[in-house]
């Protein structure tokens, strides 16, 4: 495979390992077979987790957490979606997490300084506070690493009816090193950004998303 991919003009970007939890729970050999797969994975998807006891899942994850494996473990839900937060592995090989603070209606980013994200080694930044009008921001939040490894966030501004992108100039997305772009919409009540998928490549951010008002699927290319 490592010879065939370059010859075909393909390049490996991310390695995803899918764990069939019931199968692994029934057959210990499957768990051992998964060890090298998880070792090289960027993302490990736990499929059908609801069919096994929580104790089994904890035992399965324990050795990887103890050795600080730098991959993301996410759950595949019954509806076919992933229950993962906006999270990436930064250029320092530590987690970076973004979330919406519902109480304050702000977009918050946490850049970890170690594998366990201890309090004294992490940087917390309010990326968008809604401005002077205290607009409702942070809906449909998504994040990908940029070409430099720094975070790129996209989210919906509910008050303005717009889809925004925040481009971070460092892992902590500090104020003097971040820029904003409005990708689409600027009309209150617009329902943009649902089912968003985005990827950074070659200095551009490629985005596809649903416009619920127009009942259409849209595509955007943003120069970074």
C-alpha atoms as a PDB file:
ATOM      1  CA  UNK A   1       0.000   0.000   0.000  1.00  0.00           C
ATOM      2  CA  UNK A   2       2.805   2.442   0.853  1.00  0.00           C
ATOM      3  CA  UNK A   3       4.181   1.922  -2.684  1.00  0.00           C
ATOM      4  CA  UNK A   4       0.842   1.949  -4.481  1.00  0.00           C
ATOM      5  CA  UNK A   5      -0.481   5.215  -3.029  1.00  0.00           C
ATOM      6  CA  UNK A   6       2.393   7.509  -4.172  1.00  0.00           C
ATOM      7  CA  UNK A   7       2.414   5.837  -7.586  1.00  0.00           C
ATOM      8  CA  UNK A   8      -1.276   6.657  -7.984  1.00  0.00           C
ATOM      9  CA  UNK A   9      -0.746  10.257  -6.907  1.00  0.00           C
ATOM     10  CA  UNK A  10      -2.455   9.738  -3.534  1.00  0.00           C
ATOM     11  CA  UNK A  11      -1.172  10.881  -0.158  1.00  0.00           C
ATOM     12  CA  UNK A  12      -2.107   9.619   3.291  1.00  0.00           C
ATOM     13  CA  UNK A  13      -3.622  12.498   5.311  1.00  0.00           C
ATOM     14  CA  UNK A  14      -5.352  10.875   8.290  1.00  0.00           C
ATOM     15  CA  UNK A  15      -5.553   7.293   9.526  1.00  0.00           C
ATOM     16  CA  UNK A  16      -8.864   6.226  11.069  1.00  0.00           C
ATOM     17  CA  UNK A  17      -9.331   2.997  13.046  1.00  0.00           C
ATOM     18  CA  UNK A  18     -12.872   1.742  13.652  1.00  0.00           C
ATOM     19  CA  UNK A  19     -13.411  -0.491  16.689  1.00  0.00           C
ATOM     20  CA  UNK A  20     -16.380  -2.879  16.588  1.00  0.00           C
ATOM     21  CA  UNK A  21     -16.948  -2.885  20.347  1.00  0.00           C
ATOM     22  CA  UNK A  22     -19.168  -6.029  20.602  1.00  0.00           C
ATOM     23  CA  UNK A  23     -16.773  -8.017  18.411  1.00  0.00           C
ATOM     24  CA  UNK A  24     -13.733  -6.907  20.422  1.00  0.00           C
ATOM     25  CA  UNK A  25     -15.538  -7.645  23.698  1.00  0.00           C
ATOM     26  CA  UNK A  26     -16.266 -11.222  22.584  1.00  0.00           C
ATOM     27  CA  UNK A  27     -12.802 -11.942  21.165  1.00  0.00           C
ATOM     28  CA  UNK A  28      -9.690 -10.824  23.113  1.00  0.00           C
ATOM     29  CA  UNK A  29      -7.552 -11.560  20.037  1.00  0.00           C
ATOM     30  CA  UNK A  30      -9.324  -8.698  18.251  1.00  0.00           C
ATOM     31  CA  UNK A  31      -8.252  -6.315  21.029  1.00  0.00           C
ATOM     32  CA  UNK A  32      -4.629  -7.388  20.566  1.00  0.00           C
ATOM     33  CA  UNK A  33      -4.954  -7.059  16.782  1.00  0.00           C
ATOM     34  CA  UNK A  34      -6.240  -3.494  17.229  1.00  0.00           C
ATOM     35  CA  UNK A  35      -3.180  -2.385  19.220  1.00  0.00           C
ATOM     36  CA  UNK A  36      -0.945  -1.598  16.200  1.00  0.00           C
ATOM     37  CA  UNK A  37      -3.943  -0.075  14.387  1.00  0.00           C
ATOM     38  CA  UNK A  38      -4.530   2.360  17.260  1.00  0.00           C
ATOM     39  CA  UNK A  39      -0.794   3.027  17.472  1.00  0.00           C
ATOM     40  CA  UNK A  40      -0.737   4.513  13.949  1.00  0.00           C
ATOM     41  CA  UNK A  41      -4.224   6.057  14.031  1.00  0.00           C
ATOM     42  CA  UNK A  42      -5.071   9.747  14.134  1.00  0.00           C
ATOM     43  CA  UNK A  43      -8.686   8.996  15.084  1.00  0.00           C
ATOM     44  CA  UNK A  44     -10.211   5.890  16.727  1.00  0.00           C
ATOM     45  CA  UNK A  45     -13.969   5.501  16.265  1.00  0.00           C
ATOM     46  CA  UNK A  46     -15.787   3.363  18.861  1.00  0.00           C
ATOM     47  CA  UNK A  47     -18.678   1.755  16.990  1.00  0.00           C
ATOM     48  CA  UNK A  48     -21.706   0.148  18.706  1.00  0.00           C
ATOM     49  CA  UNK A  49     -20.422   1.215  22.101  1.00  0.00           C
ATOM     50  CA  UNK A  50     -23.960   1.085  23.486  1.00  0.00           C
ATOM     51  CA  UNK A  51     -23.954  -2.721  23.079  1.00  0.00           C
ATOM     52  CA  UNK A  52     -21.141  -3.350  25.590  1.00  0.00           C
ATOM     53  CA  UNK A  53     -20.773  -2.547  29.308  1.00  0.00           C
ATOM     54  CA  UNK A  54     -19.140   0.732  30.218  1.00  0.00           C
ATOM     55  CA  UNK A  55     -16.552  -1.171  32.259  1.00  0.00           C
ATOM     56  CA  UNK A  56     -15.335  -2.923  29.105  1.00  0.00           C
ATOM     57  CA  UNK A  57     -14.881   0.395  27.298  1.00  0.00           C
ATOM     58  CA  UNK A  58     -12.949   1.832  30.242  1.00  0.00           C
ATOM     59  CA  UNK A  59     -10.683  -1.220  30.326  1.00  0.00           C
ATOM     60  CA  UNK A  60     -10.120  -1.019  26.557  1.00  0.00           C
ATOM     61  CA  UNK A  61      -9.143   2.669  26.725  1.00  0.00           C
ATOM     62  CA  UNK A  62      -7.053   2.393  29.899  1.00  0.00           C
ATOM     63  CA  UNK A  63      -3.677   1.374  28.377  1.00  0.00           C
ATOM     64  CA  UNK A  64      -3.922   4.009  25.637  1.00  0.00           C
ATOM     65  CA  UNK A  65      -4.777   6.762  28.110  1.00  0.00           C
ATOM     66  CA  UNK A  66      -1.993   5.630  30.453  1.00  0.00           C
ATOM     67  CA  UNK A  67       0.543   5.877  27.606  1.00  0.00           C
ATOM     68  CA  UNK A  68      -0.876   9.233  26.406  1.00  0.00           C
ATOM     69  CA  UNK A  69      -1.615   8.082  22.861  1.00  0.00           C
ATOM     70  CA  UNK A  70      -1.885  11.236  20.669  1.00  0.00           C
ATOM     71  CA  UNK A  71      -5.057  10.199  18.864  1.00  0.00           C
ATOM     72  CA  UNK A  72      -8.709  11.153  19.253  1.00  0.00           C
ATOM     73  CA  UNK A  73     -11.180   8.561  20.572  1.00  0.00           C
ATOM     74  CA  UNK A  74     -14.739   9.354  19.469  1.00  0.00           C
ATOM     75  CA  UNK A  75     -18.070   7.531  19.681  1.00  0.00           C
ATOM     76  CA  UNK A  76     -20.253   6.651  16.719  1.00  0.00           C
ATOM     77  CA  UNK A  77     -23.850   7.240  17.799  1.00  0.00           C
ATOM     78  CA  UNK A  78     -26.935   5.255  16.805  1.00  0.00           C
ATOM     79  CA  UNK A  79     -27.984   7.971  14.366  1.00  0.00           C
ATOM     80  CA  UNK A  80     -24.687   7.608  12.504  1.00  0.00           C
ATOM     81  CA  UNK A  81     -23.069  10.828  13.761  1.00  0.00           C
ATOM     82  CA  UNK A  82     -19.901  11.252  15.809  1.00  0.00           C
ATOM     83  CA  UNK A  83     -20.181  12.549  19.366  1.00  0.00           C
ATOM     84  CA  UNK A  84     -16.930  14.439  19.229  1.00  0.00           C
ATOM     85  CA  UNK A  85     -16.338  18.044  20.283  1.00  0.00           C
ATOM     86  CA  UNK A  86     -14.431  20.459  18.061  1.00  0.00           C
ATOM     87  CA  UNK A  87     -11.003  19.009  18.822  1.00  0.00           C
ATOM     88  CA  UNK A  88      -7.675  18.717  17.012  1.00  0.00           C
ATOM     89  CA  UNK A  89      -4.122  17.715  17.834  1.00  0.00           C
ATOM     90  CA  UNK A  90      -2.042  20.896  17.638  1.00  0.00           C
ATOM     91  CA  UNK A  91       1.441  21.304  16.246  1.00  0.00           C
ATOM     92  CA  UNK A  92       2.829  20.787  19.765  1.00  0.00           C
ATOM     93  CA  UNK A  93       1.087  17.348  19.668  1.00  0.00           C
ATOM     94  CA  UNK A  94      -1.275  18.310  22.499  1.00  0.00           C
ATOM     95  CA  UNK A  95      -5.081  18.598  22.298  1.00  0.00           C
ATOM     96  CA  UNK A  96      -6.841  21.804  21.319  1.00  0.00           C
ATOM     97  CA  UNK A  97     -10.569  21.969  22.110  1.00  0.00           C
ATOM     98  CA  UNK A  98     -13.179  24.550  21.143  1.00  0.00           C
ATOM     99  CA  UNK A  99     -16.701  24.802  22.525  1.00  0.00           C
ATOM    100  CA  UNK A 100     -19.649  27.133  22.882  1.00  0.00           C
ATOM    101  CA  UNK A 101     -20.217  28.546  26.357  1.00  0.00           C
ATOM    102  CA  UNK A 102     -24.023  28.440  26.382  1.00  0.00           C
ATOM    103  CA  UNK A 103     -24.351  30.596  29.495  1.00  0.00           C
ATOM    104  CA  UNK A 104     -22.301  33.479  28.062  1.00  0.00           C
ATOM    105  CA  UNK A 105     -22.979  32.777  24.358  1.00  0.00           C
ATOM    106  CA  UNK A 106     -19.275  32.869  23.505  1.00  0.00           C
ATOM    107  CA  UNK A 107     -16.805  30.738  21.537  1.00  0.00           C
ATOM    108  CA  UNK A 108     -14.028  29.423  23.789  1.00  0.00           C
ATOM    109  CA  UNK A 109     -10.793  27.662  22.830  1.00  0.00           C
ATOM    110  CA  UNK A 110      -8.575  25.657  25.179  1.00  0.00           C
ATOM    111  CA  UNK A 111      -4.997  24.889  24.089  1.00  0.00           C
ATOM    112  CA  UNK A 112      -3.464  22.168  26.251  1.00  0.00           C
ATOM    113  CA  UNK A 113       0.180  22.263  27.273  1.00  0.00           C
ATOM    114  CA  UNK A 114       0.458  18.591  28.165  1.00  0.00           C
ATOM    115  CA  UNK A 115      -1.368  15.337  27.270  1.00  0.00           C
ATOM    116  CA  UNK A 116      -3.735  15.519  30.262  1.00  0.00           C
ATOM    117  CA  UNK A 117      -4.478  19.243  29.817  1.00  0.00           C
ATOM    118  CA  UNK A 118      -3.704  20.147  33.428  1.00  0.00           C
ATOM    119  CA  UNK A 119      -4.992  23.521  34.548  1.00  0.00           C
ATOM    120  CA  UNK A 120      -1.634  25.222  35.022  1.00  0.00           C
ATOM    121  CA  UNK A 121      -0.445  24.204  31.543  1.00  0.00           C
ATOM    122  CA  UNK A 122      -3.393  25.180  29.393  1.00  0.00           C
ATOM    123  CA  UNK A 123      -4.383  28.442  27.769  1.00  0.00           C
ATOM    124  CA  UNK A 124      -8.072  29.402  27.603  1.00  0.00           C
ATOM    125  CA  UNK A 125      -9.131  32.080  25.114  1.00  0.00           C
ATOM    126  CA  UNK A 126     -12.511  33.638  24.341  1.00  0.00           C
ATOM    127  CA  UNK A 127     -12.309  33.669  20.547  1.00  0.00           C
ATOM    128  CA  UNK A 128     -15.620  35.476  19.965  1.00  0.00           C
ATOM    129  CA  UNK A 129     -17.739  37.150  22.654  1.00  0.00           C
ATOM    130  CA  UNK A 130     -20.488  38.319  20.324  1.00  0.00           C
ATOM    131  CA  UNK A 131     -19.243  41.901  20.189  1.00  0.00           C
ATOM    132  CA  UNK A 132     -20.846  45.002  21.654  1.00  0.00           C
ATOM    133  CA  UNK A 133     -24.323  43.786  20.687  1.00  0.00           C
ATOM    134  CA  UNK A 134     -23.759  40.519  22.590  1.00  0.00           C
ATOM    135  CA  UNK A 135     -24.765  38.479  19.552  1.00  0.00           C
ATOM    136  CA  UNK A 136     -25.417  34.764  19.885  1.00  0.00           C
ATOM    137  CA  UNK A 137     -22.374  33.025  18.391  1.00  0.00           C
ATOM    138  CA  UNK A 138     -20.807  29.564  18.351  1.00  0.00           C
ATOM    139  CA  UNK A 139     -23.566  27.402  16.893  1.00  0.00           C
ATOM    140  CA  UNK A 140     -22.600  24.487  14.582  1.00  0.00           C
ATOM    141  CA  UNK A 141     -19.014  24.852  15.827  1.00  0.00           C
ATOM    142  CA  UNK A 142     -16.316  23.042  13.860  1.00  0.00           C
ATOM    143  CA  UNK A 143     -12.518  23.126  13.844  1.00  0.00           C
ATOM    144  CA  UNK A 144      -9.654  21.872  11.657  1.00  0.00           C
ATOM    145  CA  UNK A 145      -5.883  22.396  11.808  1.00  0.00           C
ATOM    146  CA  UNK A 146      -4.443  24.947   9.397  1.00  0.00           C
ATOM    147  CA  UNK A 147      -1.404  24.424   7.218  1.00  0.00           C
ATOM    148  CA  UNK A 148       0.722  25.734  10.108  1.00  0.00           C
ATOM    149  CA  UNK A 149      -1.037  23.445  12.613  1.00  0.00           C
ATOM    150  CA  UNK A 150      -2.934  26.300  14.252  1.00  0.00           C
ATOM    151  CA  UNK A 151      -6.724  26.090  14.682  1.00  0.00           C
ATOM    152  CA  UNK A 152      -9.281  27.263  12.153  1.00  0.00           C
ATOM    153  CA  UNK A 153     -12.814  27.534  13.577  1.00  0.00           C
ATOM    154  CA  UNK A 154     -16.129  27.924  11.817  1.00  0.00           C
ATOM    155  CA  UNK A 155     -19.469  28.614  13.479  1.00  0.00           C
ATOM    156  CA  UNK A 156     -22.831  30.262  12.987  1.00  0.00           C
ATOM    157  CA  UNK A 157     -23.691  33.709  14.295  1.00  0.00           C
ATOM    158  CA  UNK A 158     -27.346  33.200  15.136  1.00  0.00           C
ATOM    159  CA  UNK A 159     -28.104  36.893  15.662  1.00  0.00           C
ATOM    160  CA  UNK A 160     -26.575  38.084  12.384  1.00  0.00           C
ATOM    161  CA  UNK A 161     -27.578  34.984  10.435  1.00  0.00           C
ATOM    162  CA  UNK A 162     -24.037  34.471   9.152  1.00  0.00           C
ATOM    163  CA  UNK A 163     -21.448  31.729   8.891  1.00  0.00           C
ATOM    164  CA  UNK A 164     -18.081  32.863  10.255  1.00  0.00           C
ATOM    165  CA  UNK A 165     -14.513  31.596  10.203  1.00  0.00           C
ATOM    166  CA  UNK A 166     -11.850  32.424  12.802  1.00  0.00           C
ATOM    167  CA  UNK A 167      -8.274  31.875  11.604  1.00  0.00           C
ATOM    168  CA  UNK A 168      -5.822  31.530  14.489  1.00  0.00           C
ATOM    169  CA  UNK A 169      -2.211  32.674  14.236  1.00  0.00           C
ATOM    170  CA  UNK A 170      -1.052  30.553  17.154  1.00  0.00           C
ATOM    171  CA  UNK A 171      -2.231  27.458  19.010  1.00  0.00           C
ATOM    172  CA  UNK A 172      -3.988  29.535  21.673  1.00  0.00           C
ATOM    173  CA  UNK A 173      -5.776  31.780  19.136  1.00  0.00           C
ATOM    174  CA  UNK A 174      -4.722  34.930  20.987  1.00  0.00           C
ATOM    175  CA  UNK A 175      -6.397  38.196  20.021  1.00  0.00           C
ATOM    176  CA  UNK A 176      -3.572  39.901  18.164  1.00  0.00           C
ATOM    177  CA  UNK A 177      -2.979  36.795  16.027  1.00  0.00           C
ATOM    178  CA  UNK A 178      -6.458  35.868  14.833  1.00  0.00           C
ATOM    179  CA  UNK A 179      -8.581  37.099  11.946  1.00  0.00           C
ATOM    180  CA  UNK A 180     -12.265  36.641  11.080  1.00  0.00           C
ATOM    181  CA  UNK A 181     -14.083  36.073   7.796  1.00  0.00           C
ATOM    182  CA  UNK A 182     -17.800  36.050   7.078  1.00  0.00           C
ATOM    183  CA  UNK A 183     -18.302  33.207   4.622  1.00  0.00           C
ATOM    184  CA  UNK A 184     -22.014  33.481   3.918  1.00  0.00           C
ATOM    185  CA  UNK A 185     -25.149  35.276   5.030  1.00  0.00           C
ATOM    186  CA  UNK A 186     -25.680  38.498   6.891  1.00  0.00           C
ATOM    187  CA  UNK A 187     -29.424  38.467   7.478  1.00  0.00           C
ATOM    188  CA  UNK A 188     -30.904  37.774  10.899  1.00  0.00           C
ATOM    189  CA  UNK A 189     -32.811  34.517  10.924  1.00  0.00           C
ATOM    190  CA  UNK A 190     -30.707  32.828   8.236  1.00  0.00           C
ATOM    191  CA  UNK A 191     -30.148  29.188   9.132  1.00  0.00           C
ATOM    192  CA  UNK A 192     -26.700  28.447   7.731  1.00  0.00           C
ATOM    193  CA  UNK A 193     -23.949  26.024   8.613  1.00  0.00           C
ATOM    194  CA  UNK A 194     -25.805  22.873   9.564  1.00  0.00           C
ATOM    195  CA  UNK A 195     -24.146  19.577   8.591  1.00  0.00           C
ATOM    196  CA  UNK A 196     -20.918  21.472   8.000  1.00  0.00           C
ATOM    197  CA  UNK A 197     -17.845  19.706   6.670  1.00  0.00           C
ATOM    198  CA  UNK A 198     -14.564  21.483   6.036  1.00  0.00           C
ATOM    199  CA  UNK A 199     -10.971  20.773   5.072  1.00  0.00           C
ATOM    200  CA  UNK A 200      -7.851  22.895   4.731  1.00  0.00           C
ATOM    201  CA  UNK A 201      -5.590  22.264   1.767  1.00  0.00           C
ATOM    202  CA  UNK A 202      -3.092  24.314  -0.215  1.00  0.00           C
ATOM    203  CA  UNK A 203      -3.789  27.610   1.506  1.00  0.00           C
ATOM    204  CA  UNK A 204      -7.579  27.337   1.112  1.00  0.00           C
ATOM    205  CA  UNK A 205     -10.409  26.263   3.396  1.00  0.00           C
ATOM    206  CA  UNK A 206     -13.024  24.171   1.585  1.00  0.00           C
ATOM    207  CA  UNK A 207     -16.461  24.090   3.198  1.00  0.00           C
ATOM    208  CA  UNK A 208     -19.754  22.378   2.434  1.00  0.00           C
ATOM    209  CA  UNK A 209     -22.855  23.106   4.505  1.00  0.00           C
ATOM    210  CA  UNK A 210     -26.622  23.201   4.415  1.00  0.00           C
ATOM    211  CA  UNK A 211     -28.667  26.354   3.996  1.00  0.00           C
ATOM    212  CA  UNK A 212     -31.930  25.369   5.683  1.00  0.00           C
ATOM    213  CA  UNK A 213     -33.821  28.477   4.507  1.00  0.00           C
ATOM    214  CA  UNK A 214     -32.901  27.962   0.863  1.00  0.00           C
ATOM    215  CA  UNK A 215     -33.172  24.173   1.234  1.00  0.00           C
ATOM    216  CA  UNK A 216     -29.854  23.765  -0.521  1.00  0.00           C
ATOM    217  CA  UNK A 217     -26.347  22.383  -0.037  1.00  0.00           C
ATOM    218  CA  UNK A 218     -23.657  25.002  -0.488  1.00  0.00           C
ATOM    219  CA  UNK A 219     -19.904  24.950  -1.121  1.00  0.00           C
ATOM    220  CA  UNK A 220     -17.405  27.695  -0.272  1.00  0.00           C
ATOM    221  CA  UNK A 221     -13.684  28.154  -0.782  1.00  0.00           C
ATOM    222  CA  UNK A 222     -11.941  30.581   1.568  1.00  0.00           C
ATOM    223  CA  UNK A 223      -8.413  31.847   0.945  1.00  0.00           C
ATOM    224  CA  UNK A 224      -6.420  31.671   4.173  1.00  0.00           C
END
